[in-house]
């Protein structure tokens, strides 16, 4: 088996193309939404973890997970789901332990998504 580069599943362009039904304008719009909302949701999650608020951690992780699903972010989607499950189980230590991984995978997604979308030319 060939080793995969680090972050190889951070962004799945095939998923993104399927989700956007090959609509270039939609992909550009989703990129802008992602760039605006992901940092806000990440901050919401960080604040909830700092406050030891398992309900808010679960809600923030769920909201972030939904956003990640819309842009083909497989690794970060999985990680946000694990954080959500841990928070719902009341295990904030596990949720906090995954927080850094979520940040890293989301940053890899951001970089790959920008490169992918900006490499396309929207039709007029």
PDB file of N, CA and C in Angstrom:
ATOM      1  N   UNK A   1       0.844  -1.169   0.000  1.00  0.00           N
ATOM      2  CA  UNK A   1       0.000   0.000   0.000  1.00  0.00           C
ATOM      3  C   UNK A   1       0.896   1.242   0.000  1.00  0.00           C
ATOM      4  N   UNK A   2       0.579   2.217  -0.836  1.00  0.00           N
ATOM      5  CA  UNK A   2       1.344   3.449  -0.931  1.00  0.00           C
ATOM      6  C   UNK A   2       0.970   4.375   0.215  1.00  0.00           C
ATOM      7  N   UNK A   3       1.959   4.899   0.937  1.00  0.00           N
ATOM      8  CA  UNK A   3       1.624   5.835   2.022  1.00  0.00           C
ATOM      9  C   UNK A   3       0.947   7.080   1.474  1.00  0.00           C
ATOM     10  N   UNK A   4      -0.025   7.578   2.202  1.00  0.00           N
ATOM     11  CA  UNK A   4      -0.748   8.790   1.819  1.00  0.00           C
ATOM     12  C   UNK A   4      -0.089   9.984   2.491  1.00  0.00           C
ATOM     13  N   UNK A   5      -0.045  11.120   1.805  1.00  0.00           N
ATOM     14  CA  UNK A   5       0.520  12.306   2.441  1.00  0.00           C
ATOM     15  C   UNK A   5      -0.336  12.747   3.618  1.00  0.00           C
ATOM     16  N   UNK A   6       0.290  13.415   4.563  1.00  0.00           N
ATOM     17  CA  UNK A   6      -0.443  13.928   5.720  1.00  0.00           C
ATOM     18  C   UNK A   6      -1.576  14.815   5.233  1.00  0.00           C
ATOM     19  N   UNK A   7      -2.746  14.625   5.799  1.00  0.00           N
ATOM     20  CA  UNK A   7      -3.891  15.451   5.425  1.00  0.00           C
ATOM     21  C   UNK A   7      -4.539  15.039   4.119  1.00  0.00           C
ATOM     22  N   UNK A   8      -4.218  13.816   3.626  1.00  0.00           N
ATOM     23  CA  UNK A   8      -4.739  13.408   2.324  1.00  0.00           C
ATOM     24  C   UNK A   8      -6.254  13.353   2.274  1.00  0.00           C
ATOM     25  N   UNK A   9      -6.910  13.194   3.396  1.00  0.00           N
ATOM     26  CA  UNK A   9      -8.373  13.164   3.378  1.00  0.00           C
ATOM     27  C   UNK A   9      -8.975  14.436   3.963  1.00  0.00           C
ATOM     28  N   UNK A  10      -8.163  15.485   4.059  1.00  0.00           N
ATOM     29  CA  UNK A  10      -8.667  16.754   4.576  1.00  0.00           C
ATOM     30  C   UNK A  10      -9.734  17.330   3.652  1.00  0.00           C
ATOM     31  N   UNK A  11      -9.550  17.156   2.352  1.00  0.00           N
ATOM     32  CA  UNK A  11     -10.500  17.687   1.367  1.00  0.00           C
ATOM     33  C   UNK A  11     -10.708  16.641   0.284  1.00  0.00           C
ATOM     34  N   UNK A  12     -11.956  16.319   0.039  1.00  0.00           N
ATOM     35  CA  UNK A  12     -12.286  15.380  -1.026  1.00  0.00           C
ATOM     36  C   UNK A  12     -12.967  16.156  -2.146  1.00  0.00           C
ATOM     37  N   UNK A  13     -12.209  16.427  -3.207  1.00  0.00           N
ATOM     38  CA  UNK A  13     -12.762  17.214  -4.305  1.00  0.00           C
ATOM     39  C   UNK A  13     -13.915  16.491  -4.988  1.00  0.00           C
ATOM     40  N   UNK A  14     -13.875  15.168  -5.019  1.00  0.00           N
ATOM     41  CA  UNK A  14     -14.979  14.407  -5.615  1.00  0.00           C
ATOM     42  C   UNK A  14     -16.274  14.610  -4.849  1.00  0.00           C
ATOM     43  N   UNK A  15     -16.173  14.563  -3.521  1.00  0.00           N
ATOM     44  CA  UNK A  15     -17.354  14.828  -2.684  1.00  0.00           C
ATOM     45  C   UNK A  15     -17.865  16.241  -2.931  1.00  0.00           C
ATOM     46  N   UNK A  16     -16.930  17.192  -2.979  1.00  0.00           N
ATOM     47  CA  UNK A  16     -17.304  18.595  -3.167  1.00  0.00           C
ATOM     48  C   UNK A  16     -17.975  18.805  -4.515  1.00  0.00           C
ATOM     49  N   UNK A  17     -17.430  18.189  -5.558  1.00  0.00           N
ATOM     50  CA  UNK A  17     -18.036  18.306  -6.892  1.00  0.00           C
ATOM     51  C   UNK A  17     -19.434  17.701  -6.905  1.00  0.00           C
ATOM     52  N   UNK A  18     -19.584  16.552  -6.269  1.00  0.00           N
ATOM     53  CA  UNK A  18     -20.902  15.905  -6.213  1.00  0.00           C
ATOM     54  C   UNK A  18     -21.893  16.748  -5.410  1.00  0.00           C
ATOM     55  N   UNK A  19     -21.434  17.300  -4.299  1.00  0.00           N
ATOM     56  CA  UNK A  19     -22.313  18.118  -3.450  1.00  0.00           C
ATOM     57  C   UNK A  19     -22.773  19.387  -4.145  1.00  0.00           C
ATOM     58  N   UNK A  20     -21.933  19.898  -5.023  1.00  0.00           N
ATOM     59  CA  UNK A  20     -22.260  21.160  -5.687  1.00  0.00           C
ATOM     60  C   UNK A  20     -22.776  20.943  -7.106  1.00  0.00           C
ATOM     61  N   UNK A  21     -23.064  19.732  -7.436  1.00  0.00           N
ATOM     62  CA  UNK A  21     -23.616  19.360  -8.753  1.00  0.00           C
ATOM     63  C   UNK A  21     -22.901  20.068  -9.901  1.00  0.00           C
ATOM     64  N   UNK A  22     -21.574  20.094  -9.789  1.00  0.00           N
ATOM     65  CA  UNK A  22     -20.723  20.688 -10.824  1.00  0.00           C
ATOM     66  C   UNK A  22     -21.052  22.152 -11.122  1.00  0.00           C
ATOM     67  N   UNK A  23     -21.503  22.890 -10.122  1.00  0.00           N
ATOM     68  CA  UNK A  23     -21.856  24.297 -10.269  1.00  0.00           C
ATOM     69  C   UNK A  23     -20.715  25.154  -9.704  1.00  0.00           C
ATOM     70  N   UNK A  24     -19.940  25.774 -10.574  1.00  0.00           N
ATOM     71  CA  UNK A  24     -18.774  26.552 -10.173  1.00  0.00           C
ATOM     72  C   UNK A  24     -19.173  27.708  -9.263  1.00  0.00           C
ATOM     73  N   UNK A  25     -20.244  28.414  -9.589  1.00  0.00           N
ATOM     74  CA  UNK A  25     -20.673  29.535  -8.760  1.00  0.00           C
ATOM     75  C   UNK A  25     -21.053  29.074  -7.355  1.00  0.00           C
ATOM     76  N   UNK A  26     -21.688  27.913  -7.262  1.00  0.00           N
ATOM     77  CA  UNK A  26     -22.064  27.376  -5.963  1.00  0.00           C
ATOM     78  C   UNK A  26     -20.809  27.071  -5.148  1.00  0.00           C
ATOM     79  N   UNK A  27     -19.794  26.526  -5.789  1.00  0.00           N
ATOM     80  CA  UNK A  27     -18.554  26.229  -5.077  1.00  0.00           C
ATOM     81  C   UNK A  27     -17.898  27.515  -4.561  1.00  0.00           C
ATOM     82  N   UNK A  28     -17.891  28.551  -5.373  1.00  0.00           N
ATOM     83  CA  UNK A  28     -17.333  29.826  -4.918  1.00  0.00           C
ATOM     84  C   UNK A  28     -18.145  30.377  -3.744  1.00  0.00           C
ATOM     85  N   UNK A  29     -19.453  30.258  -3.810  1.00  0.00           N
ATOM     86  CA  UNK A  29     -20.305  30.715  -2.715  1.00  0.00           C
ATOM     87  C   UNK A  29     -20.072  29.924  -1.431  1.00  0.00           C
ATOM     88  N   UNK A  30     -19.930  28.610  -1.558  1.00  0.00           N
ATOM     89  CA  UNK A  30     -19.673  27.786  -0.377  1.00  0.00           C
ATOM     90  C   UNK A  30     -18.313  28.095   0.231  1.00  0.00           C
ATOM     91  N   UNK A  31     -17.327  28.389  -0.619  1.00  0.00           N
ATOM     92  CA  UNK A  31     -16.018  28.782  -0.099  1.00  0.00           C
ATOM     93  C   UNK A  31     -16.150  30.041   0.751  1.00  0.00           C
ATOM     94  N   UNK A  32     -16.871  31.027   0.254  1.00  0.00           N
ATOM     95  CA  UNK A  32     -17.034  32.275   1.004  1.00  0.00           C
ATOM     96  C   UNK A  32     -17.772  32.034   2.320  1.00  0.00           C
ATOM     97  N   UNK A  33     -18.796  31.203   2.294  1.00  0.00           N
ATOM     98  CA  UNK A  33     -19.527  30.867   3.524  1.00  0.00           C
ATOM     99  C   UNK A  33     -18.596  30.159   4.503  1.00  0.00           C
ATOM    100  N   UNK A  34     -17.836  29.187   3.995  1.00  0.00           N
ATOM    101  CA  UNK A  34     -16.907  28.453   4.843  1.00  0.00           C
ATOM    102  C   UNK A  34     -15.890  29.395   5.481  1.00  0.00           C
ATOM    103  N   UNK A  35     -15.299  30.276   4.679  1.00  0.00           N
ATOM    104  CA  UNK A  35     -14.289  31.196   5.192  1.00  0.00           C
ATOM    105  C   UNK A  35     -14.857  32.145   6.241  1.00  0.00           C
ATOM    106  N   UNK A  36     -16.128  32.501   6.107  1.00  0.00           N
ATOM    107  CA  UNK A  36     -16.762  33.403   7.070  1.00  0.00           C
ATOM    108  C   UNK A  36     -17.204  32.670   8.338  1.00  0.00           C
ATOM    109  N   UNK A  37     -17.773  31.485   8.181  1.00  0.00           N
ATOM    110  CA  UNK A  37     -18.405  30.810   9.311  1.00  0.00           C
ATOM    111  C   UNK A  37     -17.502  29.862  10.085  1.00  0.00           C
ATOM    112  N   UNK A  38     -16.554  29.220   9.433  1.00  0.00           N
ATOM    113  CA  UNK A  38     -15.708  28.240  10.128  1.00  0.00           C
ATOM    114  C   UNK A  38     -14.958  28.860  11.311  1.00  0.00           C
ATOM    115  N   UNK A  39     -14.336  30.027  11.151  1.00  0.00           N
ATOM    116  CA  UNK A  39     -13.643  30.609  12.307  1.00  0.00           C
ATOM    117  C   UNK A  39     -14.592  30.955  13.462  1.00  0.00           C
ATOM    118  N   UNK A  40     -15.784  31.420  13.131  1.00  0.00           N
ATOM    119  CA  UNK A  40     -16.761  31.759  14.176  1.00  0.00           C
ATOM    120  C   UNK A  40     -17.202  30.501  14.928  1.00  0.00           C
ATOM    121  N   UNK A  41     -17.460  29.423  14.190  1.00  0.00           N
ATOM    122  CA  UNK A  41     -17.880  28.176  14.834  1.00  0.00           C
ATOM    123  C   UNK A  41     -16.740  27.559  15.636  1.00  0.00           C
ATOM    124  N   UNK A  42     -15.520  27.669  15.131  1.00  0.00           N
ATOM    125  CA  UNK A  42     -14.358  27.161  15.869  1.00  0.00           C
ATOM    126  C   UNK A  42     -14.185  27.927  17.172  1.00  0.00           C
ATOM    127  N   UNK A  43     -14.389  29.233  17.136  1.00  0.00           N
ATOM    128  CA  UNK A  43     -14.295  30.052  18.344  1.00  0.00           C
ATOM    129  C   UNK A  43     -15.409  29.684  19.322  1.00  0.00           C
ATOM    130  N   UNK A  44     -16.595  29.459  18.815  1.00  0.00           N
ATOM    131  CA  UNK A  44     -17.722  29.046  19.666  1.00  0.00           C
ATOM    132  C   UNK A  44     -17.393  27.728  20.374  1.00  0.00           C
ATOM    133  N   UNK A  45     -16.802  26.803  19.630  1.00  0.00           N
ATOM    134  CA  UNK A  45     -16.418  25.513  20.208  1.00  0.00           C
ATOM    135  C   UNK A  45     -15.341  25.708  21.273  1.00  0.00           C
ATOM    136  N   UNK A  46     -14.357  26.531  20.984  1.00  0.00           N
ATOM    137  CA  UNK A  46     -13.280  26.798  21.956  1.00  0.00           C
ATOM    138  C   UNK A  46     -13.824  27.401  23.247  1.00  0.00           C
ATOM    139  N   UNK A  47     -14.725  28.365  23.102  1.00  0.00           N
ATOM    140  CA  UNK A  47     -15.323  29.001  24.289  1.00  0.00           C
ATOM    141  C   UNK A  47     -16.124  27.983  25.104  1.00  0.00           C
ATOM    142  N   UNK A  48     -16.861  27.123  24.423  1.00  0.00           N
ATOM    143  CA  UNK A  48     -17.664  26.113  25.123  1.00  0.00           C
ATOM    144  C   UNK A  48     -16.767  25.117  25.859  1.00  0.00           C
ATOM    145  N   UNK A  49     -15.663  24.729  25.233  1.00  0.00           N
ATOM    146  CA  UNK A  49     -14.723  23.826  25.910  1.00  0.00           C
ATOM    147  C   UNK A  49     -14.115  24.512  27.129  1.00  0.00           C
ATOM    148  N   UNK A  50     -13.737  25.768  26.990  1.00  0.00           N
ATOM    149  CA  UNK A  50     -13.151  26.514  28.106  1.00  0.00           C
ATOM    150  C   UNK A  50     -14.142  26.665  29.255  1.00  0.00           C
ATOM    151  N   UNK A  51     -15.424  26.745  28.939  1.00  0.00           N
ATOM    152  CA  UNK A  51     -16.465  26.899  29.955  1.00  0.00           C
ATOM    153  C   UNK A  51     -16.962  25.561  30.503  1.00  0.00           C
ATOM    154  N   UNK A  52     -16.402  24.460  30.011  1.00  0.00           N
ATOM    155  CA  UNK A  52     -16.846  23.114  30.413  1.00  0.00           C
ATOM    156  C   UNK A  52     -18.350  22.925  30.219  1.00  0.00           C
ATOM    157  N   UNK A  53     -18.850  23.421  29.089  1.00  0.00           N
ATOM    158  CA  UNK A  53     -20.279  23.366  28.769  1.00  0.00           C
ATOM    159  C   UNK A  53     -20.504  22.275  27.720  1.00  0.00           C
ATOM    160  N   UNK A  54     -20.800  21.069  28.179  1.00  0.00           N
ATOM    161  CA  UNK A  54     -20.916  19.939  27.256  1.00  0.00           C
ATOM    162  C   UNK A  54     -22.048  20.116  26.251  1.00  0.00           C
ATOM    163  N   UNK A  55     -23.143  20.728  26.667  1.00  0.00           N
ATOM    164  CA  UNK A  55     -24.255  20.952  25.734  1.00  0.00           C
ATOM    165  C   UNK A  55     -23.818  21.882  24.608  1.00  0.00           C
ATOM    166  N   UNK A  56     -23.154  22.987  24.963  1.00  0.00           N
ATOM    167  CA  UNK A  56     -22.715  23.949  23.945  1.00  0.00           C
ATOM    168  C   UNK A  56     -21.592  23.368  23.079  1.00  0.00           C
ATOM    169  N   UNK A  57     -20.727  22.545  23.666  1.00  0.00           N
ATOM    170  CA  UNK A  57     -19.690  21.872  22.869  1.00  0.00           C
ATOM    171  C   UNK A  57     -20.348  21.002  21.804  1.00  0.00           C
ATOM    172  N   UNK A  58     -21.345  20.230  22.212  1.00  0.00           N
ATOM    173  CA  UNK A  58     -22.046  19.360  21.262  1.00  0.00           C
ATOM    174  C   UNK A  58     -22.732  20.171  20.169  1.00  0.00           C
ATOM    175  N   UNK A  59     -23.381  21.267  20.550  1.00  0.00           N
ATOM    176  CA  UNK A  59     -24.072  22.099  19.562  1.00  0.00           C
ATOM    177  C   UNK A  59     -23.088  22.756  18.592  1.00  0.00           C
ATOM    178  N   UNK A  60     -21.990  23.271  19.119  1.00  0.00           N
ATOM    179  CA  UNK A  60     -20.993  23.923  18.260  1.00  0.00           C
ATOM    180  C   UNK A  60     -20.335  22.914  17.334  1.00  0.00           C
ATOM    181  N   UNK A  61     -20.007  21.745  17.861  1.00  0.00           N
ATOM    182  CA  UNK A  61     -19.397  20.702  17.027  1.00  0.00           C
ATOM    183  C   UNK A  61     -20.361  20.252  15.933  1.00  0.00           C
ATOM    184  N   UNK A  62     -21.632  20.150  16.278  1.00  0.00           N
ATOM    185  CA  UNK A  62     -22.635  19.755  15.295  1.00  0.00           C
ATOM    186  C   UNK A  62     -22.752  20.807  14.181  1.00  0.00           C
ATOM    187  N   UNK A  63     -22.800  22.066  14.563  1.00  0.00           N
ATOM    188  CA  UNK A  63     -22.902  23.145  13.569  1.00  0.00           C
ATOM    189  C   UNK A  63     -21.663  23.159  12.672  1.00  0.00           C
ATOM    190  N   UNK A  64     -20.497  22.992  13.270  1.00  0.00           N
ATOM    191  CA  UNK A  64     -19.266  22.966  12.491  1.00  0.00           C
ATOM    192  C   UNK A  64     -19.239  21.747  11.576  1.00  0.00           C
ATOM    193  N   UNK A  65     -19.690  20.634  12.093  1.00  0.00           N
ATOM    194  CA  UNK A  65     -19.739  19.396  11.301  1.00  0.00           C
ATOM    195  C   UNK A  65     -20.627  19.582  10.064  1.00  0.00           C
ATOM    196  N   UNK A  66     -21.751  20.231  10.214  1.00  0.00           N
ATOM    197  CA  UNK A  66     -22.644  20.479   9.077  1.00  0.00           C
ATOM    198  C   UNK A  66     -21.951  21.328   8.019  1.00  0.00           C
ATOM    199  N   UNK A  67     -21.242  22.361   8.464  1.00  0.00           N
ATOM    200  CA  UNK A  67     -20.513  23.211   7.527  1.00  0.00           C
ATOM    201  C   UNK A  67     -19.422  22.417   6.810  1.00  0.00           C
ATOM    202  N   UNK A  68     -18.704  21.606   7.548  1.00  0.00           N
ATOM    203  CA  UNK A  68     -17.621  20.809   6.965  1.00  0.00           C
ATOM    204  C   UNK A  68     -18.147  19.811   5.939  1.00  0.00           C
ATOM    205  N   UNK A  69     -19.312  19.257   6.187  1.00  0.00           N
ATOM    206  CA  UNK A  69     -19.909  18.309   5.247  1.00  0.00           C
ATOM    207  C   UNK A  69     -20.225  18.980   3.921  1.00  0.00           C
ATOM    208  N   UNK A  70     -20.546  20.256   3.959  1.00  0.00           N
ATOM    209  CA  UNK A  70     -20.943  20.966   2.740  1.00  0.00           C
ATOM    210  C   UNK A  70     -19.770  21.303   1.832  1.00  0.00           C
ATOM    211  N   UNK A  71     -18.541  21.113   2.334  1.00  0.00           N
ATOM    212  CA  UNK A  71     -17.376  21.448   1.517  1.00  0.00           C
ATOM    213  C   UNK A  71     -16.424  20.270   1.323  1.00  0.00           C
ATOM    214  N   UNK A  72     -16.851  19.065   1.649  1.00  0.00           N
ATOM    215  CA  UNK A  72     -16.023  17.888   1.398  1.00  0.00           C
ATOM    216  C   UNK A  72     -14.872  17.706   2.364  1.00  0.00           C
ATOM    217  N   UNK A  73     -15.012  18.182   3.574  1.00  0.00           N
ATOM    218  CA  UNK A  73     -13.952  18.059   4.575  1.00  0.00           C
ATOM    219  C   UNK A  73     -14.082  16.777   5.368  1.00  0.00           C
ATOM    220  N   UNK A  74     -13.596  15.673   4.821  1.00  0.00           N
ATOM    221  CA  UNK A  74     -13.784  14.370   5.460  1.00  0.00           C
ATOM    222  C   UNK A  74     -13.147  14.252   6.835  1.00  0.00           C
ATOM    223  N   UNK A  75     -11.874  14.576   6.950  1.00  0.00           N
ATOM    224  CA  UNK A  75     -11.177  14.389   8.225  1.00  0.00           C
ATOM    225  C   UNK A  75     -11.762  15.280   9.312  1.00  0.00           C
ATOM    226  N   UNK A  76     -11.978  16.537   9.005  1.00  0.00           N
ATOM    227  CA  UNK A  76     -12.514  17.449  10.009  1.00  0.00           C
ATOM    228  C   UNK A  76     -13.969  17.118  10.338  1.00  0.00           C
ATOM    229  N   UNK A  77     -14.724  16.650   9.367  1.00  0.00           N
ATOM    230  CA  UNK A  77     -16.101  16.216   9.594  1.00  0.00           C
ATOM    231  C   UNK A  77     -16.115  15.071  10.613  1.00  0.00           C
ATOM    232  N   UNK A  78     -15.238  14.075  10.392  1.00  0.00           N
ATOM    233  CA  UNK A  78     -15.165  12.937  11.327  1.00  0.00           C
ATOM    234  C   UNK A  78     -14.768  13.403  12.723  1.00  0.00           C
ATOM    235  N   UNK A  79     -13.782  14.290  12.787  1.00  0.00           N
ATOM    236  CA  UNK A  79     -13.294  14.761  14.082  1.00  0.00           C
ATOM    237  C   UNK A  79     -14.378  15.554  14.816  1.00  0.00           C
ATOM    238  N   UNK A  80     -15.077  16.425  14.118  1.00  0.00           N
ATOM    239  CA  UNK A  80     -16.169  17.190  14.742  1.00  0.00           C
ATOM    240  C   UNK A  80     -17.255  16.246  15.250  1.00  0.00           C
ATOM    241  N   UNK A  81     -17.512  15.184  14.507  1.00  0.00           N
ATOM    242  CA  UNK A  81     -18.485  14.186  14.946  1.00  0.00           C
ATOM    243  C   UNK A  81     -18.049  13.481  16.221  1.00  0.00           C
ATOM    244  N   UNK A  82     -16.759  13.179  16.321  1.00  0.00           N
ATOM    245  CA  UNK A  82     -16.238  12.551  17.533  1.00  0.00           C
ATOM    246  C   UNK A  82     -16.338  13.498  18.725  1.00  0.00           C
ATOM    247  N   UNK A  83     -16.069  14.763  18.492  1.00  0.00           N
ATOM    248  CA  UNK A  83     -16.195  15.761  19.566  1.00  0.00           C
ATOM    249  C   UNK A  83     -17.651  15.858  20.003  1.00  0.00           C
ATOM    250  N   UNK A  84     -18.553  15.907  19.038  1.00  0.00           N
ATOM    251  CA  UNK A  84     -19.981  15.980  19.363  1.00  0.00           C
ATOM    252  C   UNK A  84     -20.409  14.778  20.196  1.00  0.00           C
ATOM    253  N   UNK A  85     -20.012  13.574  19.776  1.00  0.00           N
ATOM    254  CA  UNK A  85     -20.383  12.362  20.512  1.00  0.00           C
ATOM    255  C   UNK A  85     -19.803  12.370  21.929  1.00  0.00           C
ATOM    256  N   UNK A  86     -18.543  12.774  22.044  1.00  0.00           N
ATOM    257  CA  UNK A  86     -17.916  12.826  23.368  1.00  0.00           C
ATOM    258  C   UNK A  86     -18.643  13.819  24.274  1.00  0.00           C
ATOM    259  N   UNK A  87     -18.978  14.976  23.734  1.00  0.00           N
ATOM    260  CA  UNK A  87     -19.679  15.986  24.529  1.00  0.00           C
ATOM    261  C   UNK A  87     -21.047  15.490  24.965  1.00  0.00           C
ATOM    262  N   UNK A  88     -21.755  14.828  24.072  1.00  0.00           N
ATOM    263  CA  UNK A  88     -23.079  14.297  24.428  1.00  0.00           C
ATOM    264  C   UNK A  88     -22.976  13.233  25.514  1.00  0.00           C
ATOM    265  N   UNK A  89     -21.837  12.529  25.537  1.00  0.00           N
ATOM    266  CA  UNK A  89     -21.609  11.520  26.573  1.00  0.00           C
ATOM    267  C   UNK A  89     -21.055  12.146  27.850  1.00  0.00           C
ATOM    268  N   UNK A  90     -20.843  13.464  27.833  1.00  0.00           N
ATOM    269  CA  UNK A  90     -20.331  14.151  29.003  1.00  0.00           C
ATOM    270  C   UNK A  90     -18.828  14.027  29.189  1.00  0.00           C
ATOM    271  N   UNK A  91     -18.124  13.585  28.154  1.00  0.00           N
ATOM    272  CA  UNK A  91     -16.676  13.383  28.230  1.00  0.00           C
ATOM    273  C   UNK A  91     -15.953  14.561  27.585  1.00  0.00           C
ATOM    274  N   UNK A  92     -15.875  15.656  28.318  1.00  0.00           N
ATOM    275  CA  UNK A  92     -15.235  16.858  27.785  1.00  0.00           C
ATOM    276  C   UNK A  92     -13.723  16.716  27.692  1.00  0.00           C
ATOM    277  N   UNK A  93     -13.138  15.807  28.453  1.00  0.00           N
ATOM    278  CA  UNK A  93     -11.698  15.564  28.326  1.00  0.00           C
ATOM    279  C   UNK A  93     -11.393  14.986  26.953  1.00  0.00           C
ATOM    280  N   UNK A  94     -12.210  14.039  26.505  1.00  0.00           N
ATOM    281  CA  UNK A  94     -12.021  13.462  25.174  1.00  0.00           C
ATOM    282  C   UNK A  94     -12.286  14.502  24.098  1.00  0.00           C
ATOM    283  N   UNK A  95     -13.312  15.298  24.289  1.00  0.00           N
ATOM    284  CA  UNK A  95     -13.634  16.351  23.322  1.00  0.00           C
ATOM    285  C   UNK A  95     -12.480  17.341  23.219  1.00  0.00           C
ATOM    286  N   UNK A  96     -11.947  17.742  24.337  1.00  0.00           N
ATOM    287  CA  UNK A  96     -10.831  18.695  24.341  1.00  0.00           C
ATOM    288  C   UNK A  96      -9.588  18.095  23.701  1.00  0.00           C
ATOM    289  N   UNK A  97      -9.373  16.803  23.904  1.00  0.00           N
ATOM    290  CA  UNK A  97      -8.206  16.138  23.322  1.00  0.00           C
ATOM    291  C   UNK A  97      -8.272  16.125  21.800  1.00  0.00           C
ATOM    292  N   UNK A  98      -9.475  16.130  21.243  1.00  0.00           N
ATOM    293  CA  UNK A  98      -9.666  16.116  19.792  1.00  0.00           C
ATOM    294  C   UNK A  98      -9.672  17.517  19.187  1.00  0.00           C
ATOM    295  N   UNK A  99      -9.751  18.522  20.023  1.00  0.00           N
ATOM    296  CA  UNK A  99      -9.889  19.897  19.556  1.00  0.00           C
ATOM    297  C   UNK A  99      -8.725  20.328  18.664  1.00  0.00           C
ATOM    298  N   UNK A 100      -7.510  20.010  19.050  1.00  0.00           N
ATOM    299  CA  UNK A 100      -6.337  20.371  18.248  1.00  0.00           C
ATOM    300  C   UNK A 100      -6.338  19.683  16.897  1.00  0.00           C
ATOM    301  N   UNK A 101      -6.711  18.417  16.891  1.00  0.00           N
ATOM    302  CA  UNK A 101      -6.802  17.666  15.634  1.00  0.00           C
ATOM    303  C   UNK A 101      -7.829  18.292  14.704  1.00  0.00           C
ATOM    304  N   UNK A 102      -8.940  18.715  15.269  1.00  0.00           N
ATOM    305  CA  UNK A 102      -9.969  19.372  14.466  1.00  0.00           C
ATOM    306  C   UNK A 102      -9.425  20.661  13.852  1.00  0.00           C
ATOM    307  N   UNK A 103      -8.726  21.438  14.646  1.00  0.00           N
ATOM    308  CA  UNK A 103      -8.145  22.675  14.130  1.00  0.00           C
ATOM    309  C   UNK A 103      -7.160  22.422  12.999  1.00  0.00           C
ATOM    310  N   UNK A 104      -6.309  21.427  13.166  1.00  0.00           N
ATOM    311  CA  UNK A 104      -5.322  21.102  12.132  1.00  0.00           C
ATOM    312  C   UNK A 104      -5.993  20.622  10.848  1.00  0.00           C
ATOM    313  N   UNK A 105      -6.949  19.711  10.980  1.00  0.00           N
ATOM    314  CA  UNK A 105      -7.594  19.182   9.778  1.00  0.00           C
ATOM    315  C   UNK A 105      -8.446  20.248   9.089  1.00  0.00           C
ATOM    316  N   UNK A 106      -9.025  21.151   9.860  1.00  0.00           N
ATOM    317  CA  UNK A 106      -9.814  22.228   9.269  1.00  0.00           C
ATOM    318  C   UNK A 106      -8.911  23.218   8.533  1.00  0.00           C
ATOM    319  N   UNK A 107      -7.724  23.459   9.057  1.00  0.00           N
ATOM    320  CA  UNK A 107      -6.782  24.347   8.375  1.00  0.00           C
ATOM    321  C   UNK A 107      -6.301  23.716   7.061  1.00  0.00           C
ATOM    322  N   UNK A 108      -6.023  22.420   7.082  1.00  0.00           N
ATOM    323  CA  UNK A 108      -5.645  21.728   5.838  1.00  0.00           C
ATOM    324  C   UNK A 108      -6.787  21.795   4.824  1.00  0.00           C
ATOM    325  N   UNK A 109      -8.004  21.640   5.310  1.00  0.00           N
ATOM    326  CA  UNK A 109      -9.174  21.755   4.443  1.00  0.00           C
ATOM    327  C   UNK A 109      -9.258  23.151   3.849  1.00  0.00           C
ATOM    328  N   UNK A 110      -9.089  24.176   4.681  1.00  0.00           N
ATOM    329  CA  UNK A 110      -9.172  25.559   4.205  1.00  0.00           C
ATOM    330  C   UNK A 110      -8.176  25.810   3.072  1.00  0.00           C
ATOM    331  N   UNK A 111      -6.955  25.372   3.259  1.00  0.00           N
ATOM    332  CA  UNK A 111      -5.910  25.565   2.248  1.00  0.00           C
ATOM    333  C   UNK A 111      -6.268  24.847   0.953  1.00  0.00           C
ATOM    334  N   UNK A 112      -6.666  23.586   1.056  1.00  0.00           N
ATOM    335  CA  UNK A 112      -6.995  22.794  -0.133  1.00  0.00           C
ATOM    336  C   UNK A 112      -8.239  23.328  -0.834  1.00  0.00           C
ATOM    337  N   UNK A 113      -9.230  23.730  -0.069  1.00  0.00           N
ATOM    338  CA  UNK A 113     -10.477  24.238  -0.635  1.00  0.00           C
ATOM    339  C   UNK A 113     -10.244  25.541  -1.393  1.00  0.00           C
ATOM    340  N   UNK A 114      -9.474  26.434  -0.797  1.00  0.00           N
ATOM    341  CA  UNK A 114      -9.154  27.699  -1.480  1.00  0.00           C
ATOM    342  C   UNK A 114      -8.439  27.422  -2.789  1.00  0.00           C
ATOM    343  N   UNK A 115      -7.439  26.561  -2.752  1.00  0.00           N
ATOM    344  CA  UNK A 115      -6.674  26.250  -3.958  1.00  0.00           C
ATOM    345  C   UNK A 115      -7.562  25.642  -5.026  1.00  0.00           C
ATOM    346  N   UNK A 116      -8.448  24.737  -4.625  1.00  0.00           N
ATOM    347  CA  UNK A 116      -9.325  24.065  -5.583  1.00  0.00           C
ATOM    348  C   UNK A 116     -10.304  25.046  -6.215  1.00  0.00           C
ATOM    349  N   UNK A 117     -11.004  25.802  -5.384  1.00  0.00           N
ATOM    350  CA  UNK A 117     -12.053  26.694  -5.884  1.00  0.00           C
ATOM    351  C   UNK A 117     -11.463  27.862  -6.662  1.00  0.00           C
ATOM    352  N   UNK A 118     -10.421  28.435  -6.149  1.00  0.00           N
ATOM    353  CA  UNK A 118      -9.833  29.590  -6.835  1.00  0.00           C
ATOM    354  C   UNK A 118      -9.122  29.186  -8.116  1.00  0.00           C
ATOM    355  N   UNK A 119      -8.848  27.916  -8.280  1.00  0.00           N
ATOM    356  CA  UNK A 119      -8.268  27.414  -9.528  1.00  0.00           C
ATOM    357  C   UNK A 119      -9.301  27.321 -10.641  1.00  0.00           C
ATOM    358  N   UNK A 120     -10.568  27.461 -10.303  1.00  0.00           N
ATOM    359  CA  UNK A 120     -11.666  27.425 -11.277  1.00  0.00           C
ATOM    360  C   UNK A 120     -12.063  28.845 -11.639  1.00  0.00           C
ATOM    361  N   UNK A 121     -12.591  28.989 -12.794  1.00  0.00           N
ATOM    362  CA  UNK A 121     -13.105  30.294 -13.229  1.00  0.00           C
ATOM    363  C   UNK A 121     -14.616  30.236 -13.287  1.00  0.00           C
ATOM    364  N   UNK A 122     -15.297  31.052 -12.492  1.00  0.00           N
ATOM    365  CA  UNK A 122     -16.759  31.057 -12.558  1.00  0.00           C
ATOM    366  C   UNK A 122     -17.223  31.585 -13.906  1.00  0.00           C
ATOM    367  N   UNK A 123     -18.307  30.999 -14.394  1.00  0.00           N
ATOM    368  CA  UNK A 123     -18.858  31.497 -15.671  1.00  0.00           C
ATOM    369  C   UNK A 123     -19.675  32.742 -15.404  1.00  0.00           C
ATOM    370  N   UNK A 124     -19.750  33.605 -16.415  1.00  0.00           N
ATOM    371  CA  UNK A 124     -20.490  34.872 -16.268  1.00  0.00           C
ATOM    372  C   UNK A 124     -21.912  34.713 -16.730  1.00  0.00           C
TER     373      UNK A 124
END
